[in-house]
Amino acid sequence: MALAKKTKKGTKGAKSSGSAKVTKPQAAAKGKKDAKQAPAKTRQVKQLPSFLTDKHVMFIVAATLAVIAFAVVSAYWVNGKGIEMSKKFTVQTAKGPVVIEVYPNKMPITVGNFEKLVGSNFYDGLTFHRVEDWVIQGGDPQGDGTGGPGWTIPLEVKKDLKNVRGAVAMARSQEPDSAGSQFYILKRNAPPLDGQYAVFGKVVKGMDIVDQIEAGDRIESVR
């Protein structure tokens, strides 16, 4: 009987000396502790480089939009919707082609008149009626320097467009506003003509052809 009691007592002692039973308050406290130790899950936000600020970003965006807008506007003007900086024509002569570049933005009246004549094939078949050691001149339907298209245009000059070798300009009479269809190409510089005649272009290819032109040589076409 005594042994049985001791064993029973020992059994109770074994139960009490094992892992202690966790009470509800202790479980709650442990949960809070574990929560503190667990890393918080947060959304990762990419940070701007240290040298960039919101103002810098706004400036970059604004500058980019400005560049795009400028490119669009420039393309709009250059592609025929506005003022073109230059345009090229080929004067096909009996000796070969002469390519000239004209300036619509600087000489709108003169170039507009020239384009009108070219568009109607006015120059096709006419001749260079005047050929000297310093100039050739053509575009006269009469062939003697007295003819024109039936109208005249006002004199238009620009200080930066000089009468130099290769310059293309409108011929006229003594009256400043008397140019019509006749034009000349200089074979050498002629400074005294600056400010007196409408220089509206220059030869960009074919000056060797210009140097070969003889009086009476035909202008086959201008395109």
N, C-alpha and C. Protein backbone atom coordinates (compact mmCIF):
# COMPACT_ATOMS: atom_id res chain seq x y z
N MET A 1 0.83 -1.21 0.00
CA MET A 1 0.00 0.00 0.00
C MET A 1 0.85 1.25 0.00
N ALA A 2 1.93 1.23 0.88
CA ALA A 2 2.80 2.41 0.92
C ALA A 2 3.48 2.62 -0.40
N LEU A 3 3.93 1.53 -1.06
CA LEU A 3 4.60 1.61 -2.36
C LEU A 3 3.67 2.20 -3.43
N ALA A 4 2.45 1.71 -3.32
CA ALA A 4 1.47 2.22 -4.30
C ALA A 4 1.28 3.71 -4.18
N LYS A 5 1.25 4.20 -2.93
CA LYS A 5 1.06 5.64 -2.71
C LYS A 5 2.25 6.42 -3.24
N LYS A 6 3.49 5.85 -2.96
CA LYS A 6 4.69 6.55 -3.39
C LYS A 6 4.73 6.64 -4.92
N THR A 7 4.36 5.52 -5.52
CA THR A 7 4.34 5.53 -6.98
C THR A 7 3.35 6.52 -7.53
N LYS A 8 2.20 6.58 -6.89
CA LYS A 8 1.17 7.51 -7.33
C LYS A 8 1.62 8.92 -7.15
N LYS A 9 2.35 9.15 -5.97
CA LYS A 9 2.85 10.48 -5.67
C LYS A 9 3.93 10.84 -6.69
N GLY A 10 4.78 9.81 -6.97
CA GLY A 10 5.83 10.06 -7.95
C GLY A 10 5.26 10.36 -9.31
N THR A 11 4.20 9.74 -9.63
CA THR A 11 3.55 10.01 -10.92
C THR A 11 3.10 11.43 -10.99
N LYS A 12 2.51 11.90 -9.89
CA LYS A 12 2.07 13.30 -9.87
C LYS A 12 3.25 14.22 -9.99
N GLY A 13 4.37 13.86 -9.31
CA GLY A 13 5.56 14.69 -9.38
C GLY A 13 6.09 14.74 -10.79
N ALA A 14 6.05 13.65 -11.50
CA ALA A 14 6.53 13.62 -12.87
C ALA A 14 5.70 14.52 -13.76
N LYS A 15 4.44 14.55 -13.55
CA LYS A 15 3.57 15.43 -14.34
C LYS A 15 3.88 16.88 -14.09
N SER A 16 4.13 17.24 -12.82
CA SER A 16 4.34 18.63 -12.50
C SER A 16 5.71 19.10 -12.94
N SER A 17 6.71 18.16 -13.03
CA SER A 17 8.06 18.58 -13.38
C SER A 17 8.27 18.62 -14.91
N GLY A 18 7.31 18.20 -15.74
CA GLY A 18 7.42 18.22 -17.21
C GLY A 18 7.20 19.63 -17.76
N SER A 19 6.90 19.75 -19.09
CA SER A 19 6.63 21.06 -19.68
C SER A 19 5.38 21.62 -19.08
N ALA A 20 5.56 22.92 -18.69
CA ALA A 20 4.46 23.58 -18.01
C ALA A 20 3.37 23.89 -19.00
N LYS A 21 2.19 23.82 -18.55
CA LYS A 21 1.03 24.11 -19.38
C LYS A 21 0.96 25.61 -19.60
N VAL A 22 0.80 26.05 -20.85
CA VAL A 22 0.77 27.48 -21.17
C VAL A 22 -0.64 27.98 -21.01
N THR A 23 -0.77 29.03 -20.25
CA THR A 23 -2.10 29.61 -20.02
C THR A 23 -2.44 30.56 -21.16
N LYS A 24 -3.68 30.96 -21.25
CA LYS A 24 -4.14 31.87 -22.30
C LYS A 24 -3.43 33.21 -22.27
N PRO A 25 -3.27 33.86 -21.10
CA PRO A 25 -2.55 35.15 -21.07
C PRO A 25 -1.14 35.00 -21.59
N GLN A 26 -0.47 33.88 -21.22
CA GLN A 26 0.90 33.67 -21.67
C GLN A 26 0.95 33.50 -23.19
N ALA A 27 -0.02 32.78 -23.77
CA ALA A 27 -0.07 32.57 -25.22
C ALA A 27 -0.26 33.89 -25.96
N ALA A 28 -1.09 34.75 -25.41
CA ALA A 28 -1.32 36.05 -26.02
C ALA A 28 -0.06 36.88 -26.01
N ALA A 29 0.64 36.85 -24.85
CA ALA A 29 1.88 37.63 -24.73
C ALA A 29 2.91 37.12 -25.71
N LYS A 30 3.02 35.79 -25.83
CA LYS A 30 3.97 35.21 -26.77
C LYS A 30 3.65 35.59 -28.20
N GLY A 31 2.39 35.64 -28.54
CA GLY A 31 1.97 36.02 -29.90
C GLY A 31 2.39 37.44 -30.21
N LYS A 32 2.24 38.34 -29.20
CA LYS A 32 2.63 39.73 -29.42
C LYS A 32 4.13 39.84 -29.61
N LYS A 33 4.89 39.06 -28.85
CA LYS A 33 6.35 39.09 -28.94
C LYS A 33 6.80 38.59 -30.31
N ASP A 34 6.19 37.48 -30.77
CA ASP A 34 6.54 36.95 -32.07
C ASP A 34 6.21 37.93 -33.19
N ALA A 35 5.08 38.65 -33.01
CA ALA A 35 4.67 39.63 -34.01
C ALA A 35 5.68 40.75 -34.12
N LYS A 36 6.25 41.14 -32.95
CA LYS A 36 7.25 42.21 -32.95
C LYS A 36 8.52 41.75 -33.65
N GLN A 37 8.87 40.48 -33.44
CA GLN A 37 10.11 39.98 -34.00
C GLN A 37 10.00 39.71 -35.50
N ALA A 38 8.81 39.38 -36.02
CA ALA A 38 8.63 39.09 -37.44
C ALA A 38 8.75 40.37 -38.26
N PRO A 39 9.50 40.35 -39.33
CA PRO A 39 9.65 41.57 -40.16
C PRO A 39 8.32 41.94 -40.80
N ALA A 40 8.05 43.23 -40.80
CA ALA A 40 6.79 43.70 -41.39
C ALA A 40 6.87 43.61 -42.90
N LYS A 41 5.81 43.17 -43.54
CA LYS A 41 5.74 43.06 -44.99
C LYS A 41 5.23 44.38 -45.55
N THR A 42 6.12 45.10 -46.24
CA THR A 42 5.73 46.39 -46.82
C THR A 42 5.99 46.36 -48.32
N ARG A 43 5.27 47.21 -49.09
CA ARG A 43 5.45 47.29 -50.54
C ARG A 43 6.76 48.01 -50.84
N GLN A 44 7.56 47.44 -51.72
CA GLN A 44 8.84 48.04 -52.08
C GLN A 44 8.61 49.20 -53.04
N VAL A 45 9.06 50.37 -52.68
CA VAL A 45 8.92 51.57 -53.52
C VAL A 45 10.28 51.97 -54.02
N LYS A 46 10.42 52.07 -55.34
CA LYS A 46 11.70 52.48 -55.92
C LYS A 46 11.96 53.95 -55.62
N GLN A 47 13.10 54.22 -55.10
CA GLN A 47 13.49 55.57 -54.76
C GLN A 47 14.22 56.22 -55.92
N LEU A 48 14.02 57.54 -56.11
CA LEU A 48 14.75 58.27 -57.13
C LEU A 48 16.21 58.37 -56.72
N PRO A 49 17.13 58.42 -57.69
CA PRO A 49 18.53 58.65 -57.34
C PRO A 49 18.66 59.90 -56.50
N SER A 50 19.67 59.94 -55.67
CA SER A 50 19.83 61.05 -54.73
C SER A 50 19.94 62.40 -55.40
N PHE A 51 20.46 62.42 -56.65
CA PHE A 51 20.65 63.71 -57.33
C PHE A 51 19.39 64.19 -58.04
N LEU A 52 18.33 63.36 -58.07
CA LEU A 52 17.08 63.76 -58.70
C LEU A 52 16.03 64.11 -57.66
N THR A 53 15.29 65.15 -57.94
CA THR A 53 14.17 65.53 -57.09
C THR A 53 12.93 65.61 -57.96
N ASP A 54 11.79 65.81 -57.31
CA ASP A 54 10.55 65.94 -58.09
C ASP A 54 10.65 67.10 -59.08
N LYS A 55 11.31 68.18 -58.68
CA LYS A 55 11.45 69.34 -59.56
C LYS A 55 12.28 68.99 -60.79
N HIS A 56 13.34 68.19 -60.55
CA HIS A 56 14.18 67.78 -61.67
C HIS A 56 13.38 66.94 -62.67
N VAL A 57 12.60 66.02 -62.15
CA VAL A 57 11.79 65.15 -63.01
C VAL A 57 10.80 65.98 -63.82
N MET A 58 10.14 66.93 -63.18
CA MET A 58 9.17 67.78 -63.87
C MET A 58 9.86 68.59 -64.96
N PHE A 59 11.07 69.08 -64.65
CA PHE A 59 11.81 69.87 -65.64
C PHE A 59 12.18 69.02 -66.84
N ILE A 60 12.65 67.78 -66.60
CA ILE A 60 13.04 66.88 -67.68
C ILE A 60 11.85 66.55 -68.56
N VAL A 61 10.70 66.28 -67.93
CA VAL A 61 9.49 65.97 -68.70
C VAL A 61 9.07 67.16 -69.55
N ALA A 62 9.10 68.36 -68.95
CA ALA A 62 8.70 69.57 -69.68
C ALA A 62 9.65 69.83 -70.85
N ALA A 63 10.96 69.65 -70.62
CA ALA A 63 11.93 69.87 -71.68
C ALA A 63 11.74 68.88 -72.83
N THR A 64 11.46 67.63 -72.48
CA THR A 64 11.23 66.60 -73.50
C THR A 64 10.02 66.93 -74.35
N LEU A 65 8.94 67.35 -73.69
CA LEU A 65 7.73 67.72 -74.43
C LEU A 65 7.97 68.91 -75.33
N ALA A 66 8.79 69.87 -74.86
CA ALA A 66 9.09 71.05 -75.65
C ALA A 66 9.87 70.67 -76.91
N VAL A 67 10.83 69.75 -76.77
CA VAL A 67 11.62 69.30 -77.92
C VAL A 67 10.73 68.60 -78.94
N ILE A 68 9.83 67.75 -78.45
CA ILE A 68 8.92 67.03 -79.35
C ILE A 68 8.02 68.02 -80.09
N ALA A 69 7.49 69.01 -79.35
CA ALA A 69 6.62 70.00 -79.97
C ALA A 69 7.36 70.80 -81.03
N PHE A 70 8.61 71.16 -80.75
CA PHE A 70 9.41 71.91 -81.72
C PHE A 70 9.64 71.09 -82.97
N ALA A 71 9.94 69.80 -82.80
CA ALA A 71 10.17 68.93 -83.96
C ALA A 71 8.93 68.81 -84.83
N VAL A 72 7.77 68.70 -84.16
CA VAL A 72 6.51 68.57 -84.91
C VAL A 72 6.22 69.84 -85.69
N VAL A 73 6.40 71.00 -85.03
CA VAL A 73 6.13 72.28 -85.69
C VAL A 73 7.08 72.48 -86.85
N SER A 74 8.38 72.14 -86.64
CA SER A 74 9.37 72.30 -87.71
C SER A 74 9.00 71.45 -88.92
N ALA A 75 8.60 70.21 -88.66
CA ALA A 75 8.22 69.32 -89.75
C ALA A 75 6.99 69.87 -90.49
N TYR A 76 6.08 70.46 -89.71
CA TYR A 76 4.86 71.03 -90.29
C TYR A 76 5.20 72.15 -91.28
N TRP A 77 6.11 73.03 -90.88
CA TRP A 77 6.47 74.15 -91.75
C TRP A 77 7.28 73.70 -92.95
N VAL A 78 8.26 72.84 -92.73
CA VAL A 78 9.15 72.45 -93.81
C VAL A 78 8.46 71.61 -94.86
N ASN A 79 7.45 70.83 -94.49
CA ASN A 79 6.78 69.94 -95.42
C ASN A 79 5.63 70.59 -96.17
N GLY A 80 5.77 71.87 -96.48
CA GLY A 80 4.80 72.51 -97.34
C GLY A 80 3.65 73.17 -96.64
N LYS A 81 3.53 73.03 -95.31
CA LYS A 81 2.45 73.66 -94.58
C LYS A 81 2.83 75.08 -94.16
N GLY A 82 4.09 75.40 -94.29
CA GLY A 82 4.54 76.73 -93.89
C GLY A 82 5.66 77.18 -94.80
N ILE A 83 6.62 77.92 -94.26
CA ILE A 83 7.69 78.49 -95.05
C ILE A 83 8.81 77.48 -95.23
N GLU A 84 9.18 77.22 -96.48
CA GLU A 84 10.29 76.32 -96.76
C GLU A 84 11.59 77.12 -96.78
N MET A 85 12.66 76.51 -96.28
CA MET A 85 13.94 77.20 -96.23
C MET A 85 14.56 77.31 -97.62
N SER A 86 14.43 76.28 -98.43
CA SER A 86 14.99 76.31 -99.78
C SER A 86 14.29 75.27 -100.65
N LYS A 87 14.49 75.43 -101.96
CA LYS A 87 13.92 74.49 -102.91
C LYS A 87 14.84 74.45 -104.12
N LYS A 88 14.94 73.29 -104.76
CA LYS A 88 15.84 73.14 -105.90
C LYS A 88 15.08 72.92 -107.20
N PHE A 89 15.63 73.49 -108.28
CA PHE A 89 15.09 73.31 -109.62
C PHE A 89 16.23 72.91 -110.55
N THR A 90 15.89 72.14 -111.57
CA THR A 90 16.88 71.76 -112.57
C THR A 90 16.56 72.45 -113.89
N VAL A 91 17.49 73.28 -114.33
CA VAL A 91 17.36 73.94 -115.63
C VAL A 91 18.10 73.07 -116.64
N GLN A 92 17.34 72.40 -117.47
CA GLN A 92 17.94 71.52 -118.47
C GLN A 92 18.27 72.35 -119.70
N THR A 93 19.55 72.47 -120.02
CA THR A 93 19.98 73.28 -121.16
C THR A 93 20.51 72.38 -122.28
N ALA A 94 20.82 73.01 -123.41
CA ALA A 94 21.36 72.25 -124.54
C ALA A 94 22.74 71.69 -124.21
N LYS A 95 23.42 72.28 -123.23
CA LYS A 95 24.75 71.82 -122.85
C LYS A 95 24.72 70.84 -121.67
N GLY A 96 23.58 70.75 -120.99
CA GLY A 96 23.48 69.87 -119.83
C GLY A 96 22.66 70.51 -118.71
N PRO A 97 22.48 69.80 -117.59
CA PRO A 97 21.63 70.30 -116.50
C PRO A 97 22.37 71.28 -115.56
N VAL A 98 21.62 72.25 -115.12
CA VAL A 98 22.11 73.21 -114.13
C VAL A 98 21.12 73.20 -112.96
N VAL A 99 21.58 72.85 -111.78
CA VAL A 99 20.70 72.78 -110.61
C VAL A 99 20.83 74.07 -109.81
N ILE A 100 19.69 74.71 -109.57
CA ILE A 100 19.71 75.95 -108.79
C ILE A 100 18.88 75.76 -107.51
N GLU A 101 19.30 76.45 -106.48
CA GLU A 101 18.59 76.43 -105.19
C GLU A 101 18.02 77.82 -104.96
N VAL A 102 16.72 77.89 -104.65
CA VAL A 102 16.06 79.18 -104.42
C VAL A 102 15.58 79.27 -102.98
N TYR A 103 15.26 80.51 -102.54
CA TYR A 103 14.95 80.75 -101.12
C TYR A 103 13.57 81.39 -100.93
N PRO A 104 12.55 80.55 -100.79
CA PRO A 104 11.18 81.07 -100.63
C PRO A 104 10.98 81.91 -99.37
N ASN A 105 11.70 81.59 -98.29
CA ASN A 105 11.49 82.32 -97.04
C ASN A 105 12.07 83.73 -97.10
N LYS A 106 13.15 83.91 -97.86
CA LYS A 106 13.79 85.22 -97.96
C LYS A 106 13.22 86.05 -99.11
N MET A 107 12.86 85.38 -100.19
CA MET A 107 12.38 86.07 -101.39
C MET A 107 11.05 85.50 -101.85
N PRO A 108 10.02 85.62 -101.03
CA PRO A 108 8.73 84.98 -101.35
C PRO A 108 8.08 85.46 -102.64
N ILE A 109 8.17 86.75 -102.92
CA ILE A 109 7.52 87.28 -104.14
C ILE A 109 8.25 86.79 -105.38
N THR A 110 9.56 86.93 -105.38
CA THR A 110 10.37 86.55 -106.55
C THR A 110 10.31 85.05 -106.80
N VAL A 111 10.50 84.26 -105.74
CA VAL A 111 10.46 82.81 -105.89
C VAL A 111 9.06 82.35 -106.27
N GLY A 112 8.04 82.97 -105.69
CA GLY A 112 6.66 82.61 -106.04
C GLY A 112 6.38 82.85 -107.51
N ASN A 113 6.90 83.95 -108.04
CA ASN A 113 6.72 84.25 -109.47
C ASN A 113 7.46 83.24 -110.34
N PHE A 114 8.68 82.89 -109.93
CA PHE A 114 9.48 81.90 -110.68
C PHE A 114 8.78 80.55 -110.68
N GLU A 115 8.27 80.13 -109.53
CA GLU A 115 7.56 78.85 -109.44
C GLU A 115 6.31 78.84 -110.31
N LYS A 116 5.62 79.96 -110.35
CA LYS A 116 4.42 80.06 -111.19
C LYS A 116 4.77 79.85 -112.66
N LEU A 117 5.86 80.48 -113.10
CA LEU A 117 6.29 80.34 -114.49
C LEU A 117 6.75 78.92 -114.79
N VAL A 118 7.50 78.33 -113.86
CA VAL A 118 7.97 76.95 -114.04
C VAL A 118 6.78 76.00 -114.11
N GLY A 119 5.79 76.23 -113.24
CA GLY A 119 4.61 75.36 -113.20
C GLY A 119 3.80 75.38 -114.48
N SER A 120 3.89 76.47 -115.22
CA SER A 120 3.14 76.57 -116.48
C SER A 120 4.02 76.24 -117.69
N ASN A 121 5.25 75.72 -117.43
CA ASN A 121 6.20 75.36 -118.49
C ASN A 121 6.59 76.56 -119.35
N PHE A 122 6.56 77.73 -118.74
CA PHE A 122 6.83 78.97 -119.48
C PHE A 122 8.22 78.97 -120.11
N TYR A 123 9.20 78.45 -119.39
CA TYR A 123 10.58 78.54 -119.86
C TYR A 123 10.96 77.49 -120.91
N ASP A 124 10.14 76.47 -121.05
CA ASP A 124 10.48 75.38 -121.98
C ASP A 124 10.63 75.89 -123.41
N GLY A 125 11.81 75.69 -123.99
CA GLY A 125 12.03 76.09 -125.39
C GLY A 125 12.59 77.48 -125.58
N LEU A 126 12.66 78.29 -124.51
CA LEU A 126 13.23 79.64 -124.64
C LEU A 126 14.76 79.55 -124.70
N THR A 127 15.41 80.66 -124.96
CA THR A 127 16.87 80.65 -125.15
C THR A 127 17.58 81.58 -124.17
N PHE A 128 18.90 81.39 -124.11
CA PHE A 128 19.75 82.36 -123.43
C PHE A 128 20.15 83.37 -124.50
N HIS A 129 19.48 84.50 -124.50
CA HIS A 129 19.69 85.48 -125.55
C HIS A 129 20.90 86.39 -125.30
N ARG A 130 21.34 86.43 -124.05
CA ARG A 130 22.50 87.27 -123.71
C ARG A 130 23.57 86.41 -123.04
N VAL A 131 24.76 86.37 -123.60
CA VAL A 131 25.87 85.62 -123.03
C VAL A 131 27.12 86.50 -123.12
N GLU A 132 27.67 86.83 -121.96
CA GLU A 132 28.90 87.61 -121.89
C GLU A 132 29.89 86.88 -121.00
N ASP A 133 31.09 87.46 -120.86
CA ASP A 133 32.12 86.76 -120.09
C ASP A 133 31.82 86.72 -118.60
N TRP A 134 30.87 87.50 -118.16
CA TRP A 134 30.55 87.55 -116.73
C TRP A 134 29.13 87.12 -116.39
N VAL A 135 28.25 86.91 -117.40
CA VAL A 135 26.85 86.61 -117.14
C VAL A 135 26.19 85.90 -118.32
N ILE A 136 25.16 85.10 -118.02
CA ILE A 136 24.25 84.59 -119.06
C ILE A 136 22.84 84.98 -118.64
N GLN A 137 21.98 85.24 -119.62
CA GLN A 137 20.62 85.69 -119.32
C GLN A 137 19.64 85.05 -120.28
N GLY A 138 18.49 84.62 -119.73
CA GLY A 138 17.47 83.98 -120.56
C GLY A 138 16.08 84.18 -119.97
N GLY A 139 15.11 83.50 -120.57
CA GLY A 139 13.74 83.59 -120.07
C GLY A 139 12.87 84.61 -120.77
N ASP A 140 13.29 85.07 -121.94
CA ASP A 140 12.53 86.06 -122.70
C ASP A 140 11.82 85.38 -123.87
N PRO A 141 10.48 85.40 -123.89
CA PRO A 141 9.75 84.76 -125.00
C PRO A 141 9.99 85.45 -126.35
N GLN A 142 10.46 86.71 -126.33
CA GLN A 142 10.77 87.42 -127.58
C GLN A 142 12.16 87.08 -128.08
N GLY A 143 13.03 86.65 -127.16
CA GLY A 143 14.37 86.26 -127.56
C GLY A 143 15.35 87.39 -127.78
N ASP A 144 14.94 88.62 -127.42
CA ASP A 144 15.84 89.76 -127.65
C ASP A 144 16.00 90.66 -126.41
N GLY A 145 15.46 90.20 -125.27
CA GLY A 145 15.60 90.99 -124.04
C GLY A 145 14.49 91.99 -123.80
N THR A 146 13.45 91.97 -124.62
CA THR A 146 12.36 92.95 -124.46
C THR A 146 11.06 92.30 -123.97
N GLY A 147 11.00 90.98 -123.94
CA GLY A 147 9.74 90.31 -123.61
C GLY A 147 9.61 89.91 -122.15
N GLY A 148 8.40 89.43 -121.84
CA GLY A 148 8.12 88.98 -120.48
C GLY A 148 6.84 88.17 -120.43
N PRO A 149 6.34 87.85 -119.25
CA PRO A 149 5.15 87.00 -119.11
C PRO A 149 3.83 87.77 -119.23
N GLY A 150 3.90 89.08 -119.30
CA GLY A 150 2.66 89.86 -119.35
C GLY A 150 2.39 90.57 -118.04
N TRP A 151 3.28 90.45 -117.09
CA TRP A 151 3.15 91.15 -115.80
C TRP A 151 4.54 91.41 -115.24
N THR A 152 4.60 92.25 -114.23
CA THR A 152 5.86 92.53 -113.55
C THR A 152 5.67 92.35 -112.04
N ILE A 153 6.80 92.25 -111.33
CA ILE A 153 6.75 92.08 -109.87
C ILE A 153 7.61 93.16 -109.20
N PRO A 154 7.29 93.51 -107.96
CA PRO A 154 8.08 94.51 -107.25
C PRO A 154 9.49 94.01 -106.92
N LEU A 155 10.44 94.94 -106.87
CA LEU A 155 11.82 94.59 -106.55
C LEU A 155 11.91 94.09 -105.11
N GLU A 156 12.63 92.99 -104.94
CA GLU A 156 12.80 92.36 -103.64
C GLU A 156 14.29 92.08 -103.45
N VAL A 157 14.89 92.63 -102.38
CA VAL A 157 16.32 92.41 -102.15
C VAL A 157 16.57 92.04 -100.69
N LYS A 158 17.67 91.32 -100.47
CA LYS A 158 18.14 90.97 -99.13
C LYS A 158 19.64 91.21 -99.09
N LYS A 159 20.10 91.84 -97.99
CA LYS A 159 21.51 92.21 -97.89
C LYS A 159 22.45 91.02 -97.95
N ASP A 160 22.01 89.86 -97.45
CA ASP A 160 22.90 88.70 -97.40
C ASP A 160 22.92 87.91 -98.71
N LEU A 161 22.08 88.28 -99.68
CA LEU A 161 22.07 87.60 -100.97
C LEU A 161 22.83 88.48 -101.97
N LYS A 162 24.07 88.10 -102.23
CA LYS A 162 24.98 88.92 -103.03
C LYS A 162 25.06 88.46 -104.48
N ASN A 163 25.49 89.38 -105.31
CA ASN A 163 25.74 89.08 -106.72
C ASN A 163 27.16 88.52 -106.87
N VAL A 164 27.27 87.22 -106.60
CA VAL A 164 28.56 86.52 -106.69
C VAL A 164 28.46 85.44 -107.76
N ARG A 165 29.59 84.85 -108.08
CA ARG A 165 29.59 83.76 -109.09
C ARG A 165 28.59 82.68 -108.69
N GLY A 166 27.73 82.33 -109.62
CA GLY A 166 26.72 81.31 -109.37
C GLY A 166 25.38 81.86 -108.90
N ALA A 167 25.32 83.15 -108.59
CA ALA A 167 24.05 83.75 -108.14
C ALA A 167 23.03 83.74 -109.27
N VAL A 168 21.77 83.50 -108.89
CA VAL A 168 20.65 83.54 -109.85
C VAL A 168 19.76 84.71 -109.45
N ALA A 169 19.49 85.62 -110.38
CA ALA A 169 18.72 86.82 -110.06
C ALA A 169 17.81 87.21 -111.22
N MET A 170 16.84 88.08 -110.92
CA MET A 170 15.91 88.55 -111.94
C MET A 170 16.49 89.74 -112.68
N ALA A 171 16.39 89.68 -114.01
CA ALA A 171 16.80 90.81 -114.85
C ALA A 171 15.63 91.79 -114.93
N ARG A 172 15.94 93.05 -115.18
CA ARG A 172 14.89 94.07 -115.27
C ARG A 172 15.39 95.24 -116.12
N SER A 173 14.48 96.18 -116.36
CA SER A 173 14.86 97.40 -117.07
C SER A 173 15.32 98.43 -116.05
N GLN A 174 15.38 99.69 -116.45
CA GLN A 174 15.79 100.75 -115.52
C GLN A 174 14.80 100.93 -114.38
N GLU A 175 13.56 100.57 -114.63
CA GLU A 175 12.53 100.67 -113.59
C GLU A 175 12.70 99.54 -112.58
N PRO A 176 12.84 99.84 -111.28
CA PRO A 176 13.08 98.80 -110.27
C PRO A 176 12.03 97.68 -110.25
N ASP A 177 10.76 98.05 -110.44
CA ASP A 177 9.69 97.05 -110.34
C ASP A 177 9.28 96.53 -111.72
N SER A 178 10.25 96.20 -112.54
CA SER A 178 9.92 95.80 -113.92
C SER A 178 10.31 94.36 -114.25
N ALA A 179 10.78 93.60 -113.27
CA ALA A 179 11.15 92.20 -113.54
C ALA A 179 9.91 91.37 -113.84
N GLY A 180 10.08 90.38 -114.72
CA GLY A 180 8.95 89.52 -115.08
C GLY A 180 9.35 88.06 -115.14
N SER A 181 10.04 87.69 -116.22
CA SER A 181 10.44 86.28 -116.39
C SER A 181 11.93 86.11 -116.68
N GLN A 182 12.60 87.16 -117.11
CA GLN A 182 14.01 87.03 -117.46
C GLN A 182 14.87 86.93 -116.20
N PHE A 183 15.82 86.00 -116.25
CA PHE A 183 16.73 85.82 -115.12
C PHE A 183 18.16 85.72 -115.64
N TYR A 184 19.11 85.99 -114.76
CA TYR A 184 20.51 85.86 -115.14
C TYR A 184 21.27 85.00 -114.13
N ILE A 185 22.37 84.42 -114.60
CA ILE A 185 23.28 83.64 -113.75
C ILE A 185 24.67 84.23 -113.92
N LEU A 186 25.30 84.60 -112.82
CA LEU A 186 26.61 85.24 -112.87
C LEU A 186 27.73 84.21 -113.01
N LYS A 187 28.66 84.52 -113.91
CA LYS A 187 29.86 83.68 -114.07
C LYS A 187 31.02 84.21 -113.23
N ARG A 188 30.87 85.43 -112.75
CA ARG A 188 31.85 85.98 -111.82
C ARG A 188 31.17 87.04 -110.96
N ASN A 189 31.83 87.43 -109.88
CA ASN A 189 31.26 88.39 -108.93
C ASN A 189 30.95 89.72 -109.60
N ALA A 190 29.82 90.33 -109.16
CA ALA A 190 29.42 91.64 -109.68
C ALA A 190 28.86 92.49 -108.53
N PRO A 191 29.71 92.93 -107.59
CA PRO A 191 29.27 93.69 -106.41
C PRO A 191 28.44 94.94 -106.72
N PRO A 192 28.68 95.68 -107.83
CA PRO A 192 27.87 96.87 -108.10
C PRO A 192 26.37 96.59 -108.25
N LEU A 193 26.01 95.32 -108.50
CA LEU A 193 24.60 94.98 -108.67
C LEU A 193 23.88 94.72 -107.34
N ASP A 194 24.64 94.59 -106.25
CA ASP A 194 24.03 94.31 -104.94
C ASP A 194 23.04 95.39 -104.55
N GLY A 195 21.85 94.94 -104.11
CA GLY A 195 20.81 95.88 -103.70
C GLY A 195 20.02 96.46 -104.85
N GLN A 196 20.40 96.14 -106.09
CA GLN A 196 19.73 96.68 -107.27
C GLN A 196 18.88 95.63 -108.00
N TYR A 197 19.22 94.37 -107.80
CA TYR A 197 18.53 93.28 -108.49
C TYR A 197 18.16 92.19 -107.49
N ALA A 198 17.09 91.48 -107.79
CA ALA A 198 16.57 90.45 -106.87
C ALA A 198 17.32 89.14 -107.04
N VAL A 199 18.32 88.92 -106.17
CA VAL A 199 19.02 87.64 -106.14
C VAL A 199 18.14 86.68 -105.34
N PHE A 200 17.69 85.62 -105.98
CA PHE A 200 16.76 84.71 -105.29
C PHE A 200 17.25 83.27 -105.21
N GLY A 201 18.47 83.01 -105.70
CA GLY A 201 18.99 81.65 -105.64
C GLY A 201 20.45 81.59 -106.04
N LYS A 202 20.95 80.37 -106.16
CA LYS A 202 22.33 80.16 -106.60
C LYS A 202 22.44 78.79 -107.26
N VAL A 203 23.45 78.65 -108.10
CA VAL A 203 23.72 77.36 -108.74
C VAL A 203 24.45 76.47 -107.75
N VAL A 204 23.92 75.29 -107.51
CA VAL A 204 24.56 74.34 -106.58
C VAL A 204 25.22 73.19 -107.34
N LYS A 205 24.89 73.07 -108.62
CA LYS A 205 25.52 72.04 -109.45
C LYS A 205 25.38 72.44 -110.92
N GLY A 206 26.50 72.41 -111.63
CA GLY A 206 26.44 72.69 -113.06
C GLY A 206 27.04 74.01 -113.49
N MET A 207 27.92 74.63 -112.65
CA MET A 207 28.56 75.87 -113.08
C MET A 207 29.46 75.64 -114.29
N ASP A 208 29.97 74.43 -114.43
CA ASP A 208 30.77 74.12 -115.61
C ASP A 208 29.91 74.19 -116.88
N ILE A 209 28.61 73.85 -116.73
CA ILE A 209 27.67 73.96 -117.85
C ILE A 209 27.40 75.43 -118.15
N VAL A 210 27.20 76.22 -117.09
CA VAL A 210 26.95 77.66 -117.26
C VAL A 210 28.10 78.29 -118.05
N ASP A 211 29.33 77.91 -117.72
CA ASP A 211 30.50 78.48 -118.40
C ASP A 211 30.55 78.11 -119.88
N GLN A 212 29.83 77.05 -120.27
CA GLN A 212 29.84 76.60 -121.67
C GLN A 212 28.70 77.18 -122.51
N ILE A 213 27.70 77.77 -121.85
CA ILE A 213 26.53 78.27 -122.57
C ILE A 213 26.93 79.34 -123.60
N GLU A 214 26.33 79.24 -124.77
CA GLU A 214 26.55 80.22 -125.84
C GLU A 214 25.24 80.91 -126.18
N ALA A 215 25.32 82.07 -126.74
CA ALA A 215 24.12 82.83 -127.11
C ALA A 215 23.26 81.99 -128.05
N GLY A 216 21.98 81.90 -127.73
CA GLY A 216 21.06 81.13 -128.56
C GLY A 216 20.85 79.72 -128.07
N ASP A 217 21.67 79.25 -127.10
CA ASP A 217 21.46 77.91 -126.54
C ASP A 217 20.09 77.84 -125.88
N ARG A 218 19.43 76.72 -126.07
CA ARG A 218 18.04 76.59 -125.65
C ARG A 218 17.91 76.09 -124.21
N ILE A 219 16.87 76.62 -123.53
CA ILE A 219 16.43 76.08 -122.22
C ILE A 219 15.40 75.01 -122.55
N GLU A 220 15.79 73.77 -122.42
CA GLU A 220 14.88 72.70 -122.79
C GLU A 220 13.71 72.58 -121.80
N SER A 221 14.02 72.73 -120.51
CA SER A 221 12.96 72.68 -119.49
C SER A 221 13.49 73.18 -118.17
N VAL A 222 12.56 73.53 -117.28
CA VAL A 222 12.90 73.87 -115.90
C VAL A 222 11.93 73.11 -115.03
N ARG A 223 12.44 72.24 -114.16
CA ARG A 223 11.57 71.41 -113.32
C ARG A 223 12.07 71.42 -111.88
